[in-house]
Amino acid sequence: MHLKGLWPASGAVCIFLTVSALAQSNSVGCRAETLHDPERTALTCPNGVRIVAEDGTRFSLVDRTAAEGPEAVRLEGQALMLEVTPGAVEGGFEVITPQAIAAVRGTKWAVDVANGKTSVFVAEGRVAVSREAGAPVVELGHGDGVDVEAGTEPLAVRQWGAARVAALLARFGE
């Protein structure tokens, strides 16, 4: 799977969001909905992307093309659960964090940024993860996770234990 890069090409639009400011998402055609227990917000975008953000998550939507809906998310803190309809975003959809890039063509996965580390977990489908554009890529499948920290050690894909998966998914009401 191809990872496009760390930041959008010229002409891209980035919209900075926090869960309390998701109404701004309308500029890329996404519809915001507040979910409860636990408190979180869901964005449903016209290009087949659904993003669920736990309360307090800091991220920006990246709109690189004239097509409606974002092609990427830049996640600065906390966690997102993402669902991308296969083939919905030409070239795939990316989540860009300070430590990693996670790219997919269609799947359901979570990305968590905390304490200088990015954790990626795949609930369905496949996700390619790299420290940065051009760096070695690992591919995660159903039930796989990877923790990405600064450094040069190879990324280690692991099946996450039931307790870790349950704790992460509970943050999204799943």
C-alpha atoms as a PDB file:
ATOM      1  CA  MET A   1       0.000   0.000   0.000  1.00  0.00           C
ATOM      2  CA  HIS A   2       1.315   3.456  -0.890  1.00  0.00           C
ATOM      3  CA  LEU A   3       1.737   6.097   1.815  1.00  0.00           C
ATOM      4  CA  LYS A   4       1.377   9.552   0.265  1.00  0.00           C
ATOM      5  CA  GLY A   5       3.285  11.820   2.601  1.00  0.00           C
ATOM      6  CA  LEU A   6       3.395  13.732   5.828  1.00  0.00           C
ATOM      7  CA  TRP A   7       1.447  16.812   4.780  1.00  0.00           C
ATOM      8  CA  PRO A   8      -0.924  17.702   1.971  1.00  0.00           C
ATOM      9  CA  ALA A   9       0.217  19.111  -1.349  1.00  0.00           C
ATOM     10  CA  SER A  10      -0.250  22.793  -2.086  1.00  0.00           C
ATOM     11  CA  GLY A  11      -3.843  23.845  -2.462  1.00  0.00           C
ATOM     12  CA  ALA A  12      -5.003  21.478   0.286  1.00  0.00           C
ATOM     13  CA  VAL A  13      -7.430  22.668   2.914  1.00  0.00           C
ATOM     14  CA  CYS A  14      -6.926  21.729   6.564  1.00  0.00           C
ATOM     15  CA  ILE A  15      -9.666  22.344   9.097  1.00  0.00           C
ATOM     16  CA  PHE A  16      -8.556  22.160  12.739  1.00  0.00           C
ATOM     17  CA  LEU A  17     -11.165  20.542  14.943  1.00  0.00           C
ATOM     18  CA  THR A  18     -11.724  19.592  18.503  1.00  0.00           C
ATOM     19  CA  VAL A  19     -14.721  17.554  19.496  1.00  0.00           C
ATOM     20  CA  SER A  20     -16.389  20.720  20.775  1.00  0.00           C
ATOM     21  CA  ALA A  21     -15.877  22.504  17.416  1.00  0.00           C
ATOM     22  CA  LEU A  22     -16.923  19.875  14.893  1.00  0.00           C
ATOM     23  CA  ALA A  23     -19.548  22.095  13.296  1.00  0.00           C
ATOM     24  CA  GLN A  24     -16.708  23.462  11.145  1.00  0.00           C
ATOM     25  CA  SER A  25     -16.631  20.095   9.383  1.00  0.00           C
ATOM     26  CA  ASN A  26     -19.427  21.257   7.091  1.00  0.00           C
ATOM     27  CA  SER A  27     -16.839  23.016   4.923  1.00  0.00           C
ATOM     28  CA  VAL A  28     -15.776  19.583   3.594  1.00  0.00           C
ATOM     29  CA  GLY A  29     -19.336  18.291   3.519  1.00  0.00           C
ATOM     30  CA  CYS A  30     -19.224  16.168   6.683  1.00  0.00           C
ATOM     31  CA  ARG A  31     -22.186  15.944   9.063  1.00  0.00           C
ATOM     32  CA  ALA A  32     -21.486  16.007  12.818  1.00  0.00           C
ATOM     33  CA  GLU A  33     -23.483  14.058  15.403  1.00  0.00           C
ATOM     34  CA  THR A  34     -23.006  13.974  19.179  1.00  0.00           C
ATOM     35  CA  LEU A  35     -22.944  10.478  20.681  1.00  0.00           C
ATOM     36  CA  HIS A  36     -23.230   9.681  24.391  1.00  0.00           C
ATOM     37  CA  ASP A  37     -21.967   7.149  26.917  1.00  0.00           C
ATOM     38  CA  PRO A  38     -19.098   7.823  26.566  1.00  0.00           C
ATOM     39  CA  GLU A  39     -19.280  11.354  25.151  1.00  0.00           C
ATOM     40  CA  ARG A  40     -17.926  11.474  21.597  1.00  0.00           C
ATOM     41  CA  THR A  41     -18.704  12.966  18.208  1.00  0.00           C
ATOM     42  CA  ALA A  42     -19.172  11.225  14.861  1.00  0.00           C
ATOM     43  CA  LEU A  43     -18.484  12.807  11.482  1.00  0.00           C
ATOM     44  CA  THR A  44     -20.132  11.206   8.470  1.00  0.00           C
ATOM     45  CA  CYS A  45     -18.612  12.460   5.239  1.00  0.00           C
ATOM     46  CA  PRO A  46     -20.048  12.261   1.718  1.00  0.00           C
ATOM     47  CA  ASN A  47     -17.043  10.290   0.437  1.00  0.00           C
ATOM     48  CA  GLY A  48     -17.765   7.230   2.608  1.00  0.00           C
ATOM     49  CA  VAL A  49     -15.530   8.205   5.549  1.00  0.00           C
ATOM     50  CA  ARG A  50     -16.894   8.019   9.122  1.00  0.00           C
ATOM     51  CA  ILE A  51     -14.788   9.383  11.979  1.00  0.00           C
ATOM     52  CA  VAL A  52     -15.683   8.961  15.647  1.00  0.00           C
ATOM     53  CA  ALA A  53     -13.701  11.161  18.044  1.00  0.00           C
ATOM     54  CA  GLU A  54     -13.638  10.766  21.794  1.00  0.00           C
ATOM     55  CA  ASP A  55     -14.249  13.923  23.809  1.00  0.00           C
ATOM     56  CA  GLY A  56     -11.248  16.287  23.694  1.00  0.00           C
ATOM     57  CA  THR A  57      -9.588  14.771  20.624  1.00  0.00           C
ATOM     58  CA  ARG A  58      -7.544  17.267  18.579  1.00  0.00           C
ATOM     59  CA  PHE A  59      -7.410  16.682  14.832  1.00  0.00           C
ATOM     60  CA  SER A  60      -7.721  18.385  11.466  1.00  0.00           C
ATOM     61  CA  LEU A  61      -9.431  17.200   8.308  1.00  0.00           C
ATOM     62  CA  VAL A  62      -7.273  17.365   5.189  1.00  0.00           C
ATOM     63  CA  ASP A  63      -9.029  18.083   1.891  1.00  0.00           C
ATOM     64  CA  ARG A  64      -6.501  17.653  -0.952  1.00  0.00           C
ATOM     65  CA  THR A  65      -8.852  17.504  -3.934  1.00  0.00           C
ATOM     66  CA  ALA A  66     -12.025  19.012  -5.342  1.00  0.00           C
ATOM     67  CA  ALA A  67     -13.944  15.861  -4.365  1.00  0.00           C
ATOM     68  CA  GLU A  68     -16.310  16.249  -1.403  1.00  0.00           C
ATOM     69  CA  GLY A  69     -15.002  14.942   1.901  1.00  0.00           C
ATOM     70  CA  PRO A  70     -11.535  14.670   3.436  1.00  0.00           C
ATOM     71  CA  GLU A  71      -8.720  12.478   2.129  1.00  0.00           C
ATOM     72  CA  ALA A  72      -6.808  12.467   5.426  1.00  0.00           C
ATOM     73  CA  VAL A  73      -6.883  13.386   9.104  1.00  0.00           C
ATOM     74  CA  ARG A  74      -3.997  14.922  11.033  1.00  0.00           C
ATOM     75  CA  LEU A  75      -4.382  13.631  14.632  1.00  0.00           C
ATOM     76  CA  GLU A  76      -2.592  15.608  17.355  1.00  0.00           C
ATOM     77  CA  GLY A  77      -3.990  14.063  20.521  1.00  0.00           C
ATOM     78  CA  GLN A  78      -6.296  11.384  21.877  1.00  0.00           C
ATOM     79  CA  ALA A  79      -8.109   8.891  19.678  1.00  0.00           C
ATOM     80  CA  LEU A  80     -10.233   8.382  16.580  1.00  0.00           C
ATOM     81  CA  MET A  81     -12.169   5.343  15.339  1.00  0.00           C
ATOM     82  CA  LEU A  82     -12.390   5.411  11.557  1.00  0.00           C
ATOM     83  CA  GLU A  83     -14.436   3.563   8.968  1.00  0.00           C
ATOM     84  CA  VAL A  84     -13.649   4.008   5.279  1.00  0.00           C
ATOM     85  CA  THR A  85     -15.820   2.423   2.607  1.00  0.00           C
ATOM     86  CA  PRO A  86     -13.600   0.451   0.192  1.00  0.00           C
ATOM     87  CA  GLY A  87     -12.824   2.563  -2.884  1.00  0.00           C
ATOM     88  CA  ALA A  88     -14.357   5.675  -1.306  1.00  0.00           C
ATOM     89  CA  VAL A  89     -11.179   7.779  -1.330  1.00  0.00           C
ATOM     90  CA  GLU A  90      -9.063   7.630  -4.469  1.00  0.00           C
ATOM     91  CA  GLY A  91      -5.532   6.585  -3.497  1.00  0.00           C
ATOM     92  CA  GLY A  92      -6.651   5.651   0.036  1.00  0.00           C
ATOM     93  CA  PHE A  93      -7.296   7.534   3.275  1.00  0.00           C
ATOM     94  CA  GLU A  94      -4.557   8.529   5.741  1.00  0.00           C
ATOM     95  CA  VAL A  95      -4.268   9.351   9.426  1.00  0.00           C
ATOM     96  CA  ILE A  96      -1.140  11.400  10.067  1.00  0.00           C
ATOM     97  CA  THR A  97       0.196  11.672  13.641  1.00  0.00           C
ATOM     98  CA  PRO A  98       3.421  13.069  15.087  1.00  0.00           C
ATOM     99  CA  GLN A  99       4.897   9.540  15.077  1.00  0.00           C
ATOM    100  CA  ALA A 100       3.238   7.706  12.179  1.00  0.00           C
ATOM    101  CA  ILE A 101       1.177   7.562   9.012  1.00  0.00           C
ATOM    102  CA  ALA A 102      -1.613   4.975   8.750  1.00  0.00           C
ATOM    103  CA  ALA A 103      -3.172   4.478   5.314  1.00  0.00           C
ATOM    104  CA  VAL A 104      -6.092   2.377   4.084  1.00  0.00           C
ATOM    105  CA  ARG A 105      -8.249   1.736   1.059  1.00  0.00           C
ATOM    106  CA  GLY A 106     -11.250   0.599   3.140  1.00  0.00           C
ATOM    107  CA  THR A 107     -11.530  -0.712   6.683  1.00  0.00           C
ATOM    108  CA  LYS A 108     -12.357   0.038  10.325  1.00  0.00           C
ATOM    109  CA  TRP A 109      -9.526   0.972  12.647  1.00  0.00           C
ATOM    110  CA  ALA A 110      -8.526   3.129  15.623  1.00  0.00           C
ATOM    111  CA  VAL A 111      -5.587   5.472  16.080  1.00  0.00           C
ATOM    112  CA  ASP A 112      -4.563   6.763  19.523  1.00  0.00           C
ATOM    113  CA  VAL A 113      -1.932   9.452  20.181  1.00  0.00           C
ATOM    114  CA  ALA A 114      -0.699   9.789  23.771  1.00  0.00           C
ATOM    115  CA  ASN A 115       2.556  10.203  25.686  1.00  0.00           C
ATOM    116  CA  GLY A 116       4.786  10.474  22.603  1.00  0.00           C
ATOM    117  CA  LYS A 117       3.379   7.298  21.041  1.00  0.00           C
ATOM    118  CA  THR A 118       0.902   6.442  18.280  1.00  0.00           C
ATOM    119  CA  SER A 119      -1.020   3.177  18.613  1.00  0.00           C
ATOM    120  CA  VAL A 120      -2.926   1.747  15.640  1.00  0.00           C
ATOM    121  CA  PHE A 121      -5.443  -1.119  15.944  1.00  0.00           C
ATOM    122  CA  VAL A 122      -7.359  -2.791  13.094  1.00  0.00           C
ATOM    123  CA  ALA A 123     -10.893  -4.027  13.792  1.00  0.00           C
ATOM    124  CA  GLU A 124     -11.631  -4.923  10.136  1.00  0.00           C
ATOM    125  CA  GLY A 125      -9.642  -4.912   6.901  1.00  0.00           C
ATOM    126  CA  ARG A 126      -5.981  -3.956   6.468  1.00  0.00           C
ATOM    127  CA  VAL A 127      -3.973  -0.840   7.374  1.00  0.00           C
ATOM    128  CA  ALA A 128      -0.447   0.114   6.282  1.00  0.00           C
ATOM    129  CA  VAL A 129       1.606   1.925   8.948  1.00  0.00           C
ATOM    130  CA  SER A 130       4.918   3.750   8.636  1.00  0.00           C
ATOM    131  CA  ARG A 131       6.903   6.169  10.789  1.00  0.00           C
ATOM    132  CA  GLU A 132       7.038   8.641   7.887  1.00  0.00           C
ATOM    133  CA  ALA A 133       6.733   8.769   4.107  1.00  0.00           C
ATOM    134  CA  GLY A 134       9.361   6.513   2.542  1.00  0.00           C
ATOM    135  CA  ALA A 135      10.080   4.595   5.766  1.00  0.00           C
ATOM    136  CA  PRO A 136       9.510   0.831   5.950  1.00  0.00           C
ATOM    137  CA  VAL A 137       5.815  -0.072   6.047  1.00  0.00           C
ATOM    138  CA  VAL A 138       4.111  -2.771   8.110  1.00  0.00           C
ATOM    139  CA  GLU A 139       0.656  -4.061   7.258  1.00  0.00           C
ATOM    140  CA  LEU A 140      -1.885  -4.789   9.972  1.00  0.00           C
ATOM    141  CA  GLY A 141      -4.855  -7.122   9.585  1.00  0.00           C
ATOM    142  CA  HIS A 142      -7.888  -7.905  11.739  1.00  0.00           C
ATOM    143  CA  GLY A 143      -6.922  -7.877  15.451  1.00  0.00           C
ATOM    144  CA  ASP A 144      -3.406  -6.549  14.818  1.00  0.00           C
ATOM    145  CA  GLY A 145      -1.934  -3.498  16.467  1.00  0.00           C
ATOM    146  CA  VAL A 146       1.319  -1.582  16.433  1.00  0.00           C
ATOM    147  CA  ASP A 147       2.824   1.021  18.761  1.00  0.00           C
ATOM    148  CA  VAL A 148       4.943   3.649  17.013  1.00  0.00           C
ATOM    149  CA  GLU A 149       7.459   5.705  18.953  1.00  0.00           C
ATOM    150  CA  ALA A 150      10.369   7.839  17.815  1.00  0.00           C
ATOM    151  CA  GLY A 151      13.412   5.764  16.964  1.00  0.00           C
ATOM    152  CA  THR A 152      14.775   3.435  14.341  1.00  0.00           C
ATOM    153  CA  GLU A 153      13.709   0.036  15.666  1.00  0.00           C
ATOM    154  CA  PRO A 154      11.540  -1.901  13.191  1.00  0.00           C
ATOM    155  CA  LEU A 155       7.805  -1.630  13.853  1.00  0.00           C
ATOM    156  CA  ALA A 156       6.453  -4.760  15.545  1.00  0.00           C
ATOM    157  CA  VAL A 157       2.973  -5.923  14.543  1.00  0.00           C
ATOM    158  CA  ARG A 158       1.221  -7.863  17.305  1.00  0.00           C
ATOM    159  CA  GLN A 159      -2.190  -9.375  17.989  1.00  0.00           C
ATOM    160  CA  TRP A 160      -3.486  -7.239  20.817  1.00  0.00           C
ATOM    161  CA  GLY A 161      -4.853  -8.910  23.926  1.00  0.00           C
ATOM    162  CA  ALA A 162      -8.579  -8.879  24.617  1.00  0.00           C
ATOM    163  CA  ALA A 163      -8.251  -6.467  27.562  1.00  0.00           C
ATOM    164  CA  ARG A 164      -6.340  -3.853  25.531  1.00  0.00           C
ATOM    165  CA  VAL A 165      -8.768  -4.113  22.605  1.00  0.00           C
ATOM    166  CA  ALA A 166     -11.812  -3.870  24.906  1.00  0.00           C
ATOM    167  CA  ALA A 167     -10.388  -0.797  26.682  1.00  0.00           C
ATOM    168  CA  LEU A 168      -9.731   0.995  23.388  1.00  0.00           C
ATOM    169  CA  LEU A 169     -13.084   0.122  21.805  1.00  0.00           C
ATOM    170  CA  ALA A 170     -14.962   1.119  24.988  1.00  0.00           C
ATOM    171  CA  ARG A 171     -13.713   4.672  24.422  1.00  0.00           C
ATOM    172  CA  PHE A 172     -15.899   4.649  21.289  1.00  0.00           C
ATOM    173  CA  GLY A 173     -18.925   2.956  22.807  1.00  0.00           C
ATOM    174  CA  GLU A 174     -18.133  -0.371  21.151  1.00  0.00           C
END
